[in-house]
């Protein structure tokens, strides 16, 4: 049973910060230092793991996020092809002083407590008005590690 979207928009799937050459140099120097220490201490597998992990990190961090479709309907929130029913959501919060604008949704699931949805093309107040009809508005803060990773450009 398909329902009509009450509000829909396109936005990036995650925050992306452009990285300069200093960022790549820092990652390279730290990686080589950790790998060298691992090899010196007789742990070649750890050294190889550090090198492979750093390559994966750089490739992932330099990839621009996809712009995905978001929708709020009378049954829940659709993020790309993932549906979050309102019955599985506890509350939401739209921070008013943060850029880019985003909505933090608290889930009832243990392993995925918060869903962060970026808002573009729409006024966050319009999304807030729609969400208030379905779940409670409670102030939420992003996890410290999420903020830290954003700060370092991940």
N, C-alpha and C. Protein backbone atom coordinates (compact mmCIF):
# COMPACT_ATOMS: atom_id res chain seq x y z
N UNK A 1 0.83 -1.16 0.00
CA UNK A 1 0.00 0.00 0.00
C UNK A 1 0.89 1.24 0.00
N UNK A 2 0.95 1.90 -1.13
CA UNK A 2 1.79 3.10 -1.25
C UNK A 2 1.04 4.31 -0.72
N UNK A 3 1.76 5.17 -0.08
CA UNK A 3 1.17 6.41 0.42
C UNK A 3 1.86 7.60 -0.24
N UNK A 4 1.15 8.68 -0.31
CA UNK A 4 1.69 9.91 -0.91
C UNK A 4 2.65 10.57 0.07
N UNK A 5 3.78 11.09 -0.44
CA UNK A 5 4.70 11.81 0.45
C UNK A 5 4.09 13.12 0.93
N UNK A 6 4.23 13.37 2.22
CA UNK A 6 3.80 14.65 2.78
C UNK A 6 4.82 15.73 2.48
N UNK A 7 6.08 15.33 2.49
CA UNK A 7 7.18 16.24 2.17
C UNK A 7 8.32 15.38 1.64
N UNK A 8 9.04 15.87 0.64
CA UNK A 8 10.18 15.12 0.09
C UNK A 8 11.26 16.10 -0.34
N UNK A 9 12.49 15.62 -0.36
CA UNK A 9 13.63 16.45 -0.75
C UNK A 9 14.81 15.56 -1.08
N UNK A 10 15.80 16.14 -1.72
CA UNK A 10 17.06 15.48 -2.03
C UNK A 10 18.15 16.15 -1.21
N UNK A 11 19.03 15.32 -0.65
CA UNK A 11 20.13 15.84 0.16
C UNK A 11 21.27 14.83 0.17
N UNK A 12 22.48 15.27 0.49
CA UNK A 12 23.60 14.32 0.55
C UNK A 12 23.39 13.31 1.67
N UNK A 13 23.94 12.10 1.46
CA UNK A 13 23.76 11.06 2.47
C UNK A 13 24.56 11.30 3.73
N UNK A 14 25.63 12.07 3.64
CA UNK A 14 26.41 12.42 4.83
C UNK A 14 27.16 13.72 4.58
N UNK A 15 27.68 14.29 5.64
CA UNK A 15 28.45 15.53 5.56
C UNK A 15 29.78 15.24 4.88
N UNK A 16 30.19 16.13 3.98
CA UNK A 16 31.46 15.95 3.29
C UNK A 16 32.27 17.23 3.38
N UNK A 17 33.47 17.09 3.89
CA UNK A 17 34.38 18.24 3.96
C UNK A 17 35.52 18.01 2.97
N UNK A 18 35.80 19.01 2.17
CA UNK A 18 36.92 18.91 1.23
C UNK A 18 38.22 18.82 2.02
N UNK A 19 39.08 17.95 1.59
CA UNK A 19 40.35 17.75 2.28
C UNK A 19 41.48 18.31 1.43
N UNK A 20 42.34 19.05 2.09
CA UNK A 20 43.50 19.61 1.40
C UNK A 20 44.67 18.64 1.43
N UNK A 21 45.73 19.04 0.82
CA UNK A 21 46.91 18.17 0.77
C UNK A 21 47.49 17.93 2.17
N UNK A 22 47.32 18.88 3.09
CA UNK A 22 47.81 18.69 4.46
C UNK A 22 47.14 17.49 5.13
N UNK A 23 45.85 17.31 4.88
CA UNK A 23 45.12 16.20 5.48
C UNK A 23 45.71 14.87 4.99
N UNK A 24 45.96 14.77 3.68
CA UNK A 24 46.52 13.54 3.12
C UNK A 24 47.94 13.29 3.61
N UNK A 25 48.73 14.36 3.73
CA UNK A 25 50.08 14.21 4.27
C UNK A 25 50.04 13.71 5.72
N UNK A 26 49.14 14.27 6.51
CA UNK A 26 49.04 13.84 7.91
C UNK A 26 48.65 12.37 8.01
N UNK A 27 47.67 11.96 7.22
CA UNK A 27 47.26 10.54 7.23
C UNK A 27 48.42 9.66 6.79
N UNK A 28 49.15 10.07 5.76
CA UNK A 28 50.29 9.28 5.27
C UNK A 28 51.39 9.15 6.30
N UNK A 29 51.74 10.26 6.96
CA UNK A 29 52.82 10.23 7.95
C UNK A 29 52.43 9.36 9.15
N UNK A 30 51.20 9.54 9.63
CA UNK A 30 50.74 8.72 10.78
C UNK A 30 50.70 7.25 10.41
N UNK A 31 50.22 6.96 9.20
CA UNK A 31 50.14 5.56 8.75
C UNK A 31 51.53 4.94 8.66
N UNK A 32 52.46 5.64 8.03
CA UNK A 32 53.81 5.08 7.91
C UNK A 32 54.48 4.90 9.27
N UNK A 33 54.24 5.83 10.19
CA UNK A 33 54.82 5.70 11.53
C UNK A 33 54.25 4.48 12.25
N UNK A 34 52.92 4.31 12.19
CA UNK A 34 52.31 3.15 12.86
C UNK A 34 52.75 1.83 12.23
N UNK A 35 52.81 1.80 10.90
CA UNK A 35 53.25 0.59 10.22
C UNK A 35 54.71 0.28 10.54
N UNK A 36 55.56 1.31 10.59
CA UNK A 36 56.97 1.09 10.92
C UNK A 36 57.13 0.54 12.33
N UNK A 37 56.38 1.09 13.28
CA UNK A 37 56.44 0.59 14.67
C UNK A 37 55.99 -0.87 14.71
N UNK A 38 54.95 -1.20 13.98
CA UNK A 38 54.46 -2.59 13.96
C UNK A 38 55.52 -3.52 13.39
N UNK A 39 56.17 -3.12 12.29
CA UNK A 39 57.20 -3.97 11.71
C UNK A 39 58.42 -4.09 12.63
N UNK A 40 58.81 -3.00 13.27
CA UNK A 40 59.97 -3.02 14.19
C UNK A 40 59.69 -3.93 15.38
N UNK A 41 58.45 -3.94 15.87
CA UNK A 41 58.10 -4.78 17.01
C UNK A 41 57.80 -6.22 16.61
N UNK A 42 57.98 -6.54 15.34
CA UNK A 42 57.81 -7.91 14.89
C UNK A 42 56.36 -8.30 14.62
N UNK A 43 55.52 -7.35 14.27
CA UNK A 43 54.12 -7.62 13.94
C UNK A 43 53.83 -7.22 12.50
N UNK A 44 54.32 -8.01 11.53
CA UNK A 44 54.13 -7.61 10.14
C UNK A 44 52.65 -7.61 9.71
N UNK A 45 51.86 -8.49 10.28
CA UNK A 45 50.43 -8.54 9.91
C UNK A 45 49.75 -7.25 10.35
N UNK A 46 50.08 -6.76 11.54
CA UNK A 46 49.51 -5.50 12.01
C UNK A 46 49.96 -4.35 11.12
N UNK A 47 51.23 -4.35 10.72
CA UNK A 47 51.74 -3.31 9.83
C UNK A 47 51.02 -3.30 8.49
N UNK A 48 50.81 -4.48 7.92
CA UNK A 48 50.08 -4.57 6.65
C UNK A 48 48.64 -4.12 6.84
N UNK A 49 48.03 -4.51 7.96
CA UNK A 49 46.65 -4.10 8.24
C UNK A 49 46.55 -2.57 8.32
N UNK A 50 47.49 -1.93 8.97
CA UNK A 50 47.48 -0.46 9.10
C UNK A 50 47.57 0.18 7.71
N UNK A 51 48.42 -0.34 6.85
CA UNK A 51 48.56 0.22 5.50
C UNK A 51 47.29 0.05 4.68
N UNK A 52 46.70 -1.15 4.73
CA UNK A 52 45.46 -1.41 3.98
C UNK A 52 44.32 -0.55 4.53
N UNK A 53 44.23 -0.45 5.86
CA UNK A 53 43.17 0.36 6.47
C UNK A 53 43.31 1.83 6.08
N UNK A 54 44.53 2.33 6.02
CA UNK A 54 44.75 3.73 5.65
C UNK A 54 44.35 3.98 4.20
N UNK A 55 44.65 3.05 3.32
CA UNK A 55 44.25 3.20 1.92
C UNK A 55 42.72 3.22 1.82
N UNK A 56 42.06 2.31 2.54
CA UNK A 56 40.59 2.28 2.54
C UNK A 56 40.02 3.58 3.11
N UNK A 57 40.63 4.08 4.16
CA UNK A 57 40.19 5.33 4.79
C UNK A 57 40.30 6.51 3.83
N UNK A 58 41.41 6.62 3.15
CA UNK A 58 41.63 7.73 2.22
C UNK A 58 40.65 7.64 1.05
N UNK A 59 40.44 6.42 0.52
CA UNK A 59 39.50 6.27 -0.58
C UNK A 59 38.08 6.63 -0.17
N UNK A 60 37.68 6.20 1.02
CA UNK A 60 36.32 6.49 1.50
C UNK A 60 36.15 7.99 1.82
N UNK A 61 37.15 8.57 2.44
CA UNK A 61 37.05 9.98 2.86
C UNK A 61 37.08 10.94 1.67
N UNK A 62 37.70 10.54 0.57
CA UNK A 62 37.77 11.44 -0.58
C UNK A 62 36.57 11.30 -1.51
N UNK A 63 35.75 10.29 -1.31
CA UNK A 63 34.56 10.08 -2.14
C UNK A 63 33.46 11.06 -1.73
N UNK A 64 32.91 11.74 -2.70
CA UNK A 64 31.80 12.66 -2.42
C UNK A 64 30.54 11.85 -2.14
N UNK A 65 29.70 12.34 -1.22
CA UNK A 65 28.48 11.59 -0.90
C UNK A 65 27.47 11.66 -2.04
N UNK A 66 26.68 10.59 -2.17
CA UNK A 66 25.61 10.59 -3.15
C UNK A 66 24.47 11.48 -2.65
N UNK A 67 23.78 12.10 -3.57
CA UNK A 67 22.59 12.86 -3.23
C UNK A 67 21.43 11.87 -3.29
N UNK A 68 20.72 11.71 -2.17
CA UNK A 68 19.68 10.70 -2.09
C UNK A 68 18.32 11.33 -1.81
N UNK A 69 17.29 10.56 -2.09
CA UNK A 69 15.91 10.99 -1.94
C UNK A 69 15.44 10.74 -0.51
N UNK A 70 14.78 11.73 0.08
CA UNK A 70 14.20 11.62 1.42
C UNK A 70 12.71 11.92 1.31
N UNK A 71 11.94 11.22 2.11
CA UNK A 71 10.49 11.42 2.07
C UNK A 71 9.90 11.16 3.45
N UNK A 72 8.93 11.96 3.82
CA UNK A 72 8.14 11.71 5.02
C UNK A 72 6.71 11.50 4.55
N UNK A 73 6.14 10.35 4.90
CA UNK A 73 4.74 10.08 4.58
C UNK A 73 4.00 9.77 5.87
N UNK A 74 2.75 9.36 5.77
CA UNK A 74 1.96 9.14 6.99
C UNK A 74 2.32 7.86 7.74
N UNK A 75 3.23 7.05 7.20
CA UNK A 75 3.65 5.82 7.88
C UNK A 75 5.07 5.90 8.44
N UNK A 76 5.90 6.80 7.90
CA UNK A 76 7.27 6.89 8.38
C UNK A 76 8.16 7.74 7.50
N UNK A 77 9.45 7.48 7.62
CA UNK A 77 10.46 8.25 6.89
C UNK A 77 11.18 7.30 5.93
N UNK A 78 11.29 7.73 4.68
CA UNK A 78 12.02 6.97 3.67
C UNK A 78 13.31 7.71 3.37
N UNK A 79 14.44 7.02 3.56
CA UNK A 79 15.75 7.58 3.25
C UNK A 79 16.34 6.68 2.17
N UNK A 80 16.39 7.20 0.96
CA UNK A 80 16.79 6.44 -0.21
C UNK A 80 15.83 5.26 -0.37
N UNK A 81 16.27 4.04 -0.10
CA UNK A 81 15.37 2.88 -0.21
C UNK A 81 15.12 2.24 1.15
N UNK A 82 15.55 2.90 2.21
CA UNK A 82 15.35 2.38 3.56
C UNK A 82 14.17 3.08 4.20
N UNK A 83 13.23 2.29 4.72
CA UNK A 83 12.03 2.85 5.33
C UNK A 83 12.12 2.71 6.84
N UNK A 84 11.87 3.80 7.56
CA UNK A 84 11.85 3.81 9.02
C UNK A 84 10.42 4.14 9.46
N UNK A 85 9.65 3.12 9.89
CA UNK A 85 8.27 3.40 10.30
C UNK A 85 8.24 4.20 11.60
N UNK A 86 7.21 5.03 11.74
CA UNK A 86 7.08 5.85 12.95
C UNK A 86 6.97 4.99 14.20
N UNK A 87 6.45 3.77 14.09
CA UNK A 87 6.34 2.88 15.26
C UNK A 87 7.71 2.50 15.80
N UNK A 88 8.74 2.53 14.97
CA UNK A 88 10.10 2.21 15.40
C UNK A 88 10.92 3.42 15.78
N UNK A 89 10.29 4.60 15.73
CA UNK A 89 11.00 5.83 16.06
C UNK A 89 10.44 6.43 17.34
N UNK A 90 11.32 6.99 18.14
CA UNK A 90 10.91 7.53 19.44
C UNK A 90 10.65 9.03 19.39
N UNK A 91 11.60 9.79 18.83
CA UNK A 91 11.48 11.25 18.81
C UNK A 91 12.44 11.82 17.77
N UNK A 92 12.35 13.13 17.58
CA UNK A 92 13.23 13.80 16.62
C UNK A 92 13.65 15.16 17.17
N UNK A 93 14.69 15.70 16.56
CA UNK A 93 15.16 17.05 16.91
C UNK A 93 15.82 17.66 15.68
N UNK A 94 15.50 18.92 15.41
CA UNK A 94 16.15 19.66 14.34
C UNK A 94 16.91 20.81 15.00
N UNK A 95 18.25 20.68 15.11
CA UNK A 95 19.03 21.77 15.71
C UNK A 95 18.90 23.04 14.87
N UNK A 96 18.66 24.15 15.53
CA UNK A 96 18.39 25.39 14.82
C UNK A 96 19.65 26.18 14.48
N UNK A 97 20.75 25.89 15.14
CA UNK A 97 21.95 26.72 14.96
C UNK A 97 23.07 25.99 14.23
N UNK A 98 22.80 24.85 13.61
CA UNK A 98 23.86 24.08 12.96
C UNK A 98 23.71 24.14 11.44
N UNK A 99 24.85 24.18 10.79
CA UNK A 99 24.89 24.12 9.33
C UNK A 99 25.76 22.96 8.92
N UNK A 100 25.42 22.18 7.97
CA UNK A 100 24.17 22.19 7.22
C UNK A 100 23.01 21.74 8.11
N UNK A 101 21.78 22.17 7.78
CA UNK A 101 20.64 21.76 8.61
C UNK A 101 20.42 20.25 8.55
N UNK A 102 20.04 19.69 9.68
CA UNK A 102 19.83 18.25 9.74
C UNK A 102 18.75 17.93 10.76
N UNK A 103 18.23 16.73 10.65
CA UNK A 103 17.25 16.22 11.60
C UNK A 103 17.85 14.99 12.27
N UNK A 104 17.82 14.97 13.59
CA UNK A 104 18.31 13.83 14.35
C UNK A 104 17.09 13.07 14.85
N UNK A 105 16.97 11.82 14.43
CA UNK A 105 15.81 11.00 14.78
C UNK A 105 16.29 9.90 15.71
N UNK A 106 15.63 9.75 16.84
CA UNK A 106 15.99 8.70 17.79
C UNK A 106 15.15 7.46 17.50
N UNK A 107 15.85 6.36 17.26
CA UNK A 107 15.21 5.10 16.93
C UNK A 107 15.06 4.26 18.20
N UNK A 108 14.12 3.33 18.16
CA UNK A 108 13.95 2.40 19.29
C UNK A 108 14.91 1.22 19.18
N UNK A 109 15.64 1.11 18.09
CA UNK A 109 16.57 0.00 17.88
C UNK A 109 17.83 0.21 18.72
N UNK A 110 18.32 -0.86 19.28
CA UNK A 110 19.48 -0.80 20.17
C UNK A 110 20.76 -0.48 19.41
N UNK A 111 20.95 -1.10 18.25
CA UNK A 111 22.21 -0.94 17.52
C UNK A 111 22.24 0.28 16.60
N UNK A 112 21.12 0.97 16.46
CA UNK A 112 21.06 2.17 15.62
C UNK A 112 20.24 3.23 16.35
N UNK A 113 20.79 3.79 17.42
CA UNK A 113 19.98 4.69 18.24
C UNK A 113 19.62 6.01 17.58
N UNK A 114 20.47 6.56 16.70
CA UNK A 114 20.18 7.84 16.08
C UNK A 114 20.34 7.76 14.57
N UNK A 115 19.43 8.39 13.87
CA UNK A 115 19.48 8.51 12.42
C UNK A 115 19.64 9.99 12.12
N UNK A 116 20.68 10.34 11.38
CA UNK A 116 20.93 11.74 11.06
C UNK A 116 20.58 11.95 9.59
N UNK A 117 19.64 12.85 9.34
CA UNK A 117 19.14 13.11 8.00
C UNK A 117 19.41 14.58 7.67
N UNK A 118 20.17 14.82 6.61
CA UNK A 118 20.47 16.18 6.21
C UNK A 118 19.31 16.76 5.42
N UNK A 119 19.09 18.05 5.59
CA UNK A 119 17.95 18.73 4.98
C UNK A 119 18.49 19.77 4.00
N UNK A 120 18.08 19.67 2.76
CA UNK A 120 18.38 20.68 1.75
C UNK A 120 17.10 20.90 0.96
N UNK A 121 17.04 22.00 0.28
CA UNK A 121 15.92 22.35 -0.59
C UNK A 121 14.66 22.76 0.16
N UNK A 122 14.56 22.49 1.44
CA UNK A 122 13.35 22.80 2.21
C UNK A 122 13.69 23.58 3.46
N UNK A 123 12.69 24.26 3.97
CA UNK A 123 12.81 24.93 5.24
C UNK A 123 12.69 23.88 6.35
N UNK A 124 13.66 23.78 7.26
CA UNK A 124 13.57 22.80 8.34
C UNK A 124 12.29 22.93 9.17
N UNK A 125 11.75 24.13 9.25
CA UNK A 125 10.51 24.35 10.02
C UNK A 125 9.33 23.61 9.38
N UNK A 126 9.33 23.50 8.06
CA UNK A 126 8.28 22.77 7.36
C UNK A 126 8.34 21.27 7.71
N UNK A 127 9.54 20.74 7.77
CA UNK A 127 9.72 19.33 8.14
C UNK A 127 9.32 19.13 9.60
N UNK A 128 9.68 20.07 10.45
CA UNK A 128 9.31 19.99 11.86
C UNK A 128 7.80 19.93 12.04
N UNK A 129 7.07 20.77 11.32
CA UNK A 129 5.61 20.80 11.42
C UNK A 129 5.00 19.45 11.04
N UNK A 130 5.52 18.82 10.00
CA UNK A 130 5.02 17.51 9.58
C UNK A 130 5.35 16.45 10.62
N UNK A 131 6.58 16.45 11.11
CA UNK A 131 7.01 15.42 12.07
C UNK A 131 6.24 15.50 13.39
N UNK A 132 5.86 16.69 13.80
CA UNK A 132 5.13 16.86 15.07
C UNK A 132 3.79 16.13 15.07
N UNK A 133 3.23 15.83 13.92
CA UNK A 133 1.96 15.10 13.85
C UNK A 133 2.15 13.61 14.17
N UNK A 134 3.40 13.12 14.14
CA UNK A 134 3.61 11.67 14.24
C UNK A 134 4.47 11.23 15.42
N UNK A 135 5.53 11.96 15.74
CA UNK A 135 6.37 11.59 16.88
C UNK A 135 6.73 12.85 17.67
N UNK A 136 7.23 12.62 18.88
CA UNK A 136 7.54 13.73 19.79
C UNK A 136 8.82 14.45 19.37
N UNK A 137 8.89 15.71 19.75
CA UNK A 137 10.10 16.50 19.54
C UNK A 137 10.84 16.58 20.87
N UNK A 138 12.03 16.02 20.90
CA UNK A 138 12.87 16.02 22.09
C UNK A 138 14.28 16.42 21.67
N UNK A 139 14.90 17.26 22.46
CA UNK A 139 16.25 17.69 22.10
C UNK A 139 17.22 16.53 22.17
N UNK A 140 17.95 16.33 21.08
CA UNK A 140 18.97 15.29 20.99
C UNK A 140 20.29 15.93 20.60
N UNK A 141 21.35 15.33 21.02
CA UNK A 141 22.69 15.76 20.64
C UNK A 141 23.34 14.64 19.84
N UNK A 142 24.11 15.04 18.86
CA UNK A 142 24.87 14.04 18.12
C UNK A 142 25.91 13.43 19.03
N UNK A 143 26.24 12.18 18.76
CA UNK A 143 27.26 11.49 19.54
C UNK A 143 28.59 12.21 19.37
N UNK A 144 29.39 12.21 20.43
CA UNK A 144 30.68 12.89 20.43
C UNK A 144 31.57 12.41 19.28
N UNK A 145 31.61 11.10 19.03
CA UNK A 145 32.46 10.57 17.97
C UNK A 145 32.00 11.04 16.60
N UNK A 146 30.70 11.17 16.41
CA UNK A 146 30.19 11.66 15.13
C UNK A 146 30.66 13.10 14.89
N UNK A 147 30.57 13.91 15.92
CA UNK A 147 31.05 15.30 15.82
C UNK A 147 32.56 15.34 15.56
N UNK A 148 33.29 14.47 16.26
CA UNK A 148 34.75 14.43 16.11
C UNK A 148 35.13 14.02 14.69
N UNK A 149 34.47 13.01 14.15
CA UNK A 149 34.75 12.57 12.79
C UNK A 149 34.43 13.67 11.78
N UNK A 150 33.34 14.39 11.98
CA UNK A 150 33.01 15.51 11.10
C UNK A 150 34.10 16.57 11.17
N UNK A 151 34.59 16.81 12.38
CA UNK A 151 35.63 17.84 12.58
C UNK A 151 36.91 17.48 11.82
N UNK A 152 37.25 16.18 11.80
CA UNK A 152 38.46 15.73 11.10
C UNK A 152 38.22 15.44 9.63
N UNK A 153 37.01 15.70 9.15
CA UNK A 153 36.76 15.61 7.72
C UNK A 153 36.31 14.25 7.24
N UNK A 154 35.71 13.44 8.10
CA UNK A 154 35.25 12.12 7.65
C UNK A 154 33.76 12.17 7.37
